[in-house]
Amino acid sequence: MPLTMNKDVFITCAVTGSGGSQDRSPHVPRSPAQIADSAIAAAKAGAAVVHCHVRDPETGAPSRRLDLYREVTQRIREAEVDVILNLTAGMGGDIVFGSTEQPLPPVAGTDMIGAAERVQHIKECLPEICTLDCGTMNFAEADYVMTNTPGMLTAMGRMMTELGVKPEIEAFDTGHLWYAKQLVKDGVLDSPALVQLCMGVPWGAPDDLNTFMAMVNNVPDDWTFSAFGLGRHQMAYVAASVLAGGNVRVGLEDNLWLDKGVLAENWQLVERAGTIIENMGARVIGPAQVREQLGLNKRAAA
């Protein structure tokens, strides 16, 4: 594959995530106000898109509460800075199995709900983008499986399309891209699609460059893709994705550190990504140009 660098790059900031990072850094936002403020600061630093989960304001644990999503959405839309809101739809497909000798019934940590409930906050908040994790995989912990069956993805994908919300396909391995193309072929998702290549998430695609280029080479030419790497590889993947023709994602969902021993804030990660992009001879584009590129319609505050 010839090297085709992207000269017009947009940055997504993944603001908080749903992992157990809330007790590892004081900068990981928990409350809707903190999440929105961190997203707004990231937008001011150059992020065109902010990708948001919500957390229990008291404990920091991942949450699916509709009121929290509504508050985050409203606060971001009422801000003086323009940014594209991308809400997760990845919650509600978690199975934690019992012991290897008695795997069923599932144990604490299991959170399995139907397609309509998984998309309910998308229906109510109507972000411009929402995520669609395009496959099932063993996910980090020993007996935890992230489940996204073909039937579930078809149902959720149709709902997103009918709502006029652009799905961001999160691909954690090459098979996820294979199924994403099937969803487009079946008319569930519109083409050209938007893809986030998720590198280095145990036990999906490892974050070596051979695997990354295999992922890139499986993205159709007319689709838009972005990529990220976890932890210390986050900034390396800023450069790698731009070189491969893509866009970039940074943020505290994927990496807590600015430098060795220095905990980051979201805006600092966005600012550093922007510096890398510009030093490579590309430019960082804003939300208006991203909307034009992806065919999005700006949502106003209620």
Protein backbone atom coordinates (compact mmCIF):
# COMPACT_ATOMS: atom_id res chain seq x y z
CA MET A 1 0.00 0.00 0.00
CA PRO A 2 1.47 3.40 -0.93
CA LEU A 3 1.85 5.95 1.83
CA THR A 4 -1.01 8.46 1.60
CA MET A 5 -0.74 10.91 4.47
CA ASN A 6 -3.86 12.71 5.62
CA LYS A 7 -3.33 16.46 5.33
CA ASP A 8 -6.64 17.49 6.96
CA VAL A 9 -6.92 15.73 10.31
CA PHE A 10 -9.61 15.86 12.96
CA ILE A 11 -8.98 15.04 16.60
CA THR A 12 -11.43 13.09 18.76
CA CYS A 13 -11.04 13.38 22.52
CA ALA A 14 -12.28 10.34 24.47
CA VAL A 15 -13.05 12.19 27.66
CA THR A 16 -13.57 9.62 30.42
CA GLY A 17 -14.45 6.07 29.31
CA SER A 18 -15.93 3.35 31.51
CA GLY A 19 -12.81 1.64 32.81
CA GLY A 20 -11.44 1.66 36.34
CA SER A 21 -9.26 4.73 35.77
CA GLN A 22 -11.24 7.05 38.05
CA ASP A 23 -9.10 6.18 41.08
CA ARG A 24 -5.77 6.35 39.21
CA SER A 25 -5.89 10.03 38.29
CA PRO A 26 -7.65 13.04 39.80
CA HIS A 27 -8.13 14.42 36.29
CA VAL A 28 -10.56 11.68 35.16
CA PRO A 29 -13.94 13.45 35.22
CA ARG A 30 -16.85 11.84 37.06
CA SER A 31 -19.84 14.19 37.35
CA PRO A 32 -21.72 15.53 34.31
CA ALA A 33 -20.32 19.00 35.03
CA GLN A 34 -16.76 17.68 35.18
CA ILE A 35 -17.21 15.61 32.01
CA ALA A 36 -18.71 18.53 30.11
CA ASP A 37 -16.06 20.98 31.35
CA SER A 38 -13.28 18.59 30.33
CA ALA A 39 -14.90 18.10 26.90
CA ILE A 40 -15.24 21.86 26.41
CA ALA A 41 -11.59 22.42 27.37
CA ALA A 42 -10.58 19.71 24.89
CA ALA A 43 -12.62 21.43 22.17
CA LYS A 44 -10.90 24.73 22.91
CA ALA A 45 -7.55 22.93 22.58
CA GLY A 46 -8.47 21.67 19.09
CA ALA A 47 -10.70 18.60 19.39
CA ALA A 48 -13.44 18.60 16.75
CA VAL A 49 -15.19 15.61 18.36
CA VAL A 50 -15.67 14.67 22.02
CA HIS A 51 -16.52 11.05 22.82
CA CYS A 52 -18.36 10.76 26.13
CA HIS A 53 -19.37 8.08 28.60
CA VAL A 54 -21.01 8.94 31.92
CA ARG A 55 -20.07 7.86 35.44
CA ASP A 56 -21.73 7.77 38.83
CA PRO A 57 -20.85 11.21 40.21
CA GLU A 58 -20.09 9.80 43.67
CA THR A 59 -18.15 6.62 42.94
CA GLY A 60 -16.89 7.18 39.40
CA ALA A 61 -18.25 3.78 38.38
CA PRO A 62 -19.55 3.46 34.80
CA SER A 63 -23.21 4.32 34.43
CA ARG A 64 -26.06 4.19 31.91
CA ARG A 65 -28.30 6.73 33.68
CA LEU A 66 -30.30 8.80 31.20
CA ASP A 67 -30.30 11.90 33.40
CA LEU A 68 -26.50 11.95 33.40
CA TYR A 69 -26.37 11.72 29.61
CA ARG A 70 -28.96 14.48 29.30
CA GLU A 71 -26.98 16.79 31.57
CA VAL A 72 -23.68 16.19 29.78
CA THR A 73 -25.34 16.77 26.41
CA GLN A 74 -27.04 19.97 27.51
CA ARG A 75 -23.93 21.43 29.11
CA ILE A 76 -21.80 20.78 26.03
CA ARG A 77 -24.40 22.18 23.64
CA GLU A 78 -24.81 25.32 25.71
CA ALA A 79 -21.07 26.02 25.73
CA GLU A 80 -19.59 28.90 23.77
CA VAL A 81 -17.31 26.55 21.82
CA ASP A 82 -18.55 24.42 18.90
CA VAL A 83 -17.80 20.68 19.07
CA ILE A 84 -19.32 17.46 17.70
CA LEU A 85 -20.79 15.23 20.41
CA ASN A 86 -20.15 11.49 20.16
CA LEU A 87 -21.90 9.40 22.84
CA THR A 88 -21.01 5.81 23.57
CA ALA A 89 -23.57 3.08 22.89
CA GLY A 90 -21.22 0.36 24.07
CA MET A 91 -22.73 -0.16 27.51
CA GLY A 92 -25.14 -2.99 28.34
CA GLY A 93 -23.44 -5.90 26.62
CA ASP A 94 -21.20 -7.17 29.40
CA ILE A 95 -21.05 -10.79 30.60
CA VAL A 96 -18.86 -11.85 33.49
CA PHE A 97 -18.79 -15.63 33.72
CA GLY A 98 -18.43 -17.68 36.86
CA SER A 99 -15.65 -20.18 37.50
CA THR A 100 -14.26 -22.42 34.76
CA GLU A 101 -16.15 -25.33 36.34
CA GLN A 102 -19.42 -23.41 36.76
CA PRO A 103 -19.47 -20.54 34.26
CA LEU A 104 -23.24 -20.06 34.46
CA PRO A 105 -25.11 -18.22 35.80
CA PRO A 106 -23.10 -15.02 35.14
CA VAL A 107 -21.71 -13.26 38.20
CA ALA A 108 -21.45 -9.68 39.50
CA GLY A 109 -20.43 -7.19 36.85
CA THR A 110 -22.76 -8.64 34.20
CA ASP A 111 -24.87 -5.96 32.54
CA MET A 112 -27.00 -7.26 29.68
CA ILE A 113 -29.91 -5.26 28.26
CA GLY A 114 -31.85 -5.15 25.01
CA ALA A 115 -31.04 -3.16 21.88
CA ALA A 116 -33.69 -0.48 22.45
CA GLU A 117 -32.44 0.20 25.98
CA ARG A 118 -28.83 0.31 24.80
CA VAL A 119 -29.81 3.05 22.35
CA GLN A 120 -32.35 4.89 24.55
CA HIS A 121 -29.95 7.68 25.54
CA ILE A 122 -29.04 8.13 21.87
CA LYS A 123 -32.73 8.51 21.03
CA GLU A 124 -33.22 11.09 23.77
CA CYS A 125 -30.01 13.12 23.37
CA LEU A 126 -29.57 12.80 19.57
CA PRO A 127 -25.80 13.31 19.39
CA GLU A 128 -24.30 13.77 15.95
CA ILE A 129 -22.28 10.55 16.36
CA CYS A 130 -22.57 7.47 18.57
CA THR A 131 -20.36 4.40 18.79
CA LEU A 132 -21.19 0.90 17.58
CA ASP A 133 -18.74 -1.73 18.88
CA CYS A 134 -18.77 -4.05 15.92
CA GLY A 135 -18.05 -7.44 17.46
CA THR A 136 -17.81 -9.70 20.48
CA MET A 137 -14.45 -10.24 22.19
CA ASN A 138 -12.67 -11.33 25.34
CA PHE A 139 -12.02 -7.97 26.95
CA ALA A 140 -9.06 -7.49 29.31
CA GLU A 141 -10.29 -9.24 32.46
CA ALA A 142 -10.10 -13.02 32.59
CA ASP A 143 -13.78 -13.94 32.43
CA TYR A 144 -15.36 -10.77 31.01
CA VAL A 145 -16.77 -10.87 27.49
CA MET A 146 -17.94 -7.79 25.60
CA THR A 147 -20.90 -9.09 23.61
CA ASN A 148 -22.17 -7.57 20.38
CA THR A 149 -23.86 -10.31 18.37
CA PRO A 150 -24.82 -9.91 14.69
CA GLY A 151 -28.48 -9.67 15.68
CA MET A 152 -27.79 -7.03 18.32
CA LEU A 153 -25.60 -4.99 15.95
CA THR A 154 -28.20 -5.15 13.21
CA ALA A 155 -30.93 -3.95 15.58
CA MET A 156 -28.84 -1.17 17.12
CA GLY A 157 -27.41 -0.10 13.75
CA ARG A 158 -30.89 0.24 12.23
CA MET A 159 -32.06 2.34 15.18
CA MET A 160 -29.05 4.66 14.88
CA THR A 161 -29.56 5.06 11.14
CA GLU A 162 -33.28 5.76 11.56
CA LEU A 163 -32.50 8.37 14.23
CA GLY A 164 -30.15 10.18 11.86
CA VAL A 165 -27.17 9.64 14.18
CA LYS A 166 -23.90 8.67 12.48
CA PRO A 167 -22.52 5.41 13.91
CA GLU A 168 -18.80 5.38 14.61
CA ILE A 169 -17.87 1.74 14.10
CA GLU A 170 -15.42 0.74 16.80
CA ALA A 171 -13.28 -2.07 15.37
CA PHE A 172 -11.13 -3.99 17.82
CA ASP A 173 -9.98 -6.57 15.27
CA THR A 174 -10.10 -7.28 11.54
CA GLY A 175 -13.22 -9.45 11.83
CA HIS A 176 -15.09 -6.45 13.21
CA LEU A 177 -14.32 -4.57 10.00
CA TRP A 178 -15.48 -7.58 8.00
CA TYR A 179 -18.85 -7.47 9.75
CA ALA A 180 -19.07 -3.69 9.47
CA LYS A 181 -18.84 -4.03 5.70
CA GLN A 182 -21.63 -6.60 5.85
CA LEU A 183 -23.82 -4.15 7.79
CA VAL A 184 -23.30 -1.60 5.03
CA LYS A 185 -23.97 -4.22 2.35
CA ASP A 186 -27.21 -5.18 4.12
CA GLY A 187 -28.33 -1.55 4.22
CA VAL A 188 -28.21 -1.37 8.02
CA LEU A 189 -25.54 1.32 7.97
CA ASP A 190 -25.10 4.04 5.38
CA SER A 191 -22.00 4.28 3.21
CA PRO A 192 -19.46 5.81 3.42
CA ALA A 193 -19.06 4.75 7.03
CA LEU A 194 -16.98 6.12 9.91
CA VAL A 195 -14.56 3.76 11.70
CA GLN A 196 -12.43 3.96 14.84
CA LEU A 197 -9.53 1.48 14.84
CA CYS A 198 -8.94 0.43 18.44
CA MET A 199 -5.37 -0.81 18.86
CA GLY A 200 -3.82 -2.55 21.83
CA VAL A 201 -7.01 -3.37 23.76
CA PRO A 202 -6.61 -6.83 25.33
CA TRP A 203 -7.58 -9.15 23.65
CA GLY A 204 -8.28 -7.48 20.34
CA ALA A 205 -5.83 -6.24 17.74
CA PRO A 206 -2.32 -5.81 19.18
CA ASP A 207 -0.79 -2.39 18.69
CA ASP A 208 2.08 -3.38 16.39
CA LEU A 209 2.32 -1.63 13.03
CA ASN A 210 1.83 -4.79 10.95
CA THR A 211 -1.54 -5.38 12.58
CA PHE A 212 -2.41 -1.69 12.32
CA MET A 213 -1.77 -1.66 8.59
CA ALA A 214 -3.81 -4.85 8.20
CA MET A 215 -6.67 -2.96 9.86
CA VAL A 216 -6.14 0.10 7.67
CA ASN A 217 -6.02 -2.02 4.52
CA ASN A 218 -9.41 -3.51 5.43
CA VAL A 219 -11.11 -0.11 5.59
CA PRO A 220 -12.86 0.71 2.27
CA ASP A 221 -11.23 3.60 0.42
CA ASP A 222 -14.28 5.86 0.65
CA TRP A 223 -14.76 5.39 4.41
CA THR A 224 -13.32 7.77 7.02
CA PHE A 225 -11.17 6.24 9.73
CA SER A 226 -9.50 7.29 12.93
CA ALA A 227 -7.25 5.31 15.25
CA PHE A 228 -5.85 5.21 18.75
CA GLY A 229 -3.37 3.20 20.79
CA LEU A 230 -3.56 2.65 24.53
CA GLY A 231 -1.28 4.08 27.19
CA ARG A 232 2.27 5.03 26.24
CA HIS A 233 1.57 4.39 22.56
CA GLN A 234 -1.18 7.01 22.33
CA MET A 235 0.97 9.74 20.76
CA ALA A 236 2.82 7.30 18.54
CA TYR A 237 -0.53 6.36 17.04
CA VAL A 238 -1.30 10.01 16.36
CA ALA A 239 1.64 10.01 13.94
CA ALA A 240 0.94 6.51 12.62
CA SER A 241 -2.70 7.20 11.84
CA VAL A 242 -1.96 10.46 10.05
CA LEU A 243 0.75 8.76 7.98
CA ALA A 244 -1.68 5.98 7.07
CA GLY A 245 -4.32 8.46 5.90
CA GLY A 246 -6.48 8.62 9.02
CA ASN A 247 -7.57 10.86 11.85
CA VAL A 248 -6.66 10.60 15.52
CA ARG A 249 -8.14 9.95 18.95
CA VAL A 250 -6.56 10.86 22.27
CA GLY A 251 -7.94 11.31 25.77
CA LEU A 252 -8.11 9.97 29.30
CA GLU A 253 -10.28 7.01 28.29
CA ASP A 254 -7.21 5.50 26.66
CA ASN A 255 -4.21 7.05 28.41
CA LEU A 256 -3.68 8.90 31.71
CA TRP A 257 -0.15 10.20 31.15
CA LEU A 258 1.30 13.29 29.48
CA ASP A 259 4.91 12.38 30.26
CA LYS A 260 6.61 9.87 32.54
CA GLY A 261 5.31 10.61 36.01
CA VAL A 262 3.08 13.45 34.80
CA LEU A 263 -0.68 12.83 34.80
CA ALA A 264 -2.48 14.45 31.89
CA GLU A 265 -5.64 16.45 31.45
CA ASN A 266 -7.70 15.93 28.31
CA TRP A 267 -6.91 19.35 26.84
CA GLN A 268 -3.17 18.70 27.21
CA LEU A 269 -3.42 15.44 25.26
CA VAL A 270 -5.38 17.20 22.52
CA GLU A 271 -2.88 20.05 22.41
CA ARG A 272 0.06 17.65 22.09
CA ALA A 273 -1.70 15.68 19.35
CA GLY A 274 -2.29 18.93 17.47
CA THR A 275 1.40 19.81 17.72
CA ILE A 276 2.39 16.41 16.31
CA ILE A 277 -0.08 16.73 13.43
CA GLU A 278 1.08 20.22 12.50
CA ASN A 279 4.76 19.32 12.79
CA MET A 280 4.11 16.54 10.28
CA GLY A 281 2.92 19.15 7.78
CA ALA A 282 -0.80 18.47 8.16
CA ARG A 283 -3.45 20.72 9.67
CA VAL A 284 -6.04 20.20 12.36
CA ILE A 285 -9.58 20.78 11.11
CA GLY A 286 -12.55 21.91 13.15
CA PRO A 287 -16.11 20.67 13.64
CA ALA A 288 -17.62 22.58 10.71
CA GLN A 289 -15.31 20.88 8.22
CA VAL A 290 -15.83 17.50 9.88
CA ARG A 291 -19.59 17.90 9.60
CA GLU A 292 -19.21 18.62 5.90
CA GLN A 293 -16.91 15.63 5.44
CA LEU A 294 -19.15 13.18 7.31
CA GLY A 295 -22.54 14.61 6.34
CA LEU A 296 -23.55 15.56 9.87
CA ASN A 297 -26.20 18.03 10.94
CA LYS A 298 -25.34 20.28 13.88
CA ARG A 299 -27.62 19.78 16.89
CA ALA A 300 -28.72 22.82 18.87
CA ALA A 301 -29.29 23.04 22.60
CA ALA A 302 -32.86 22.30 23.67
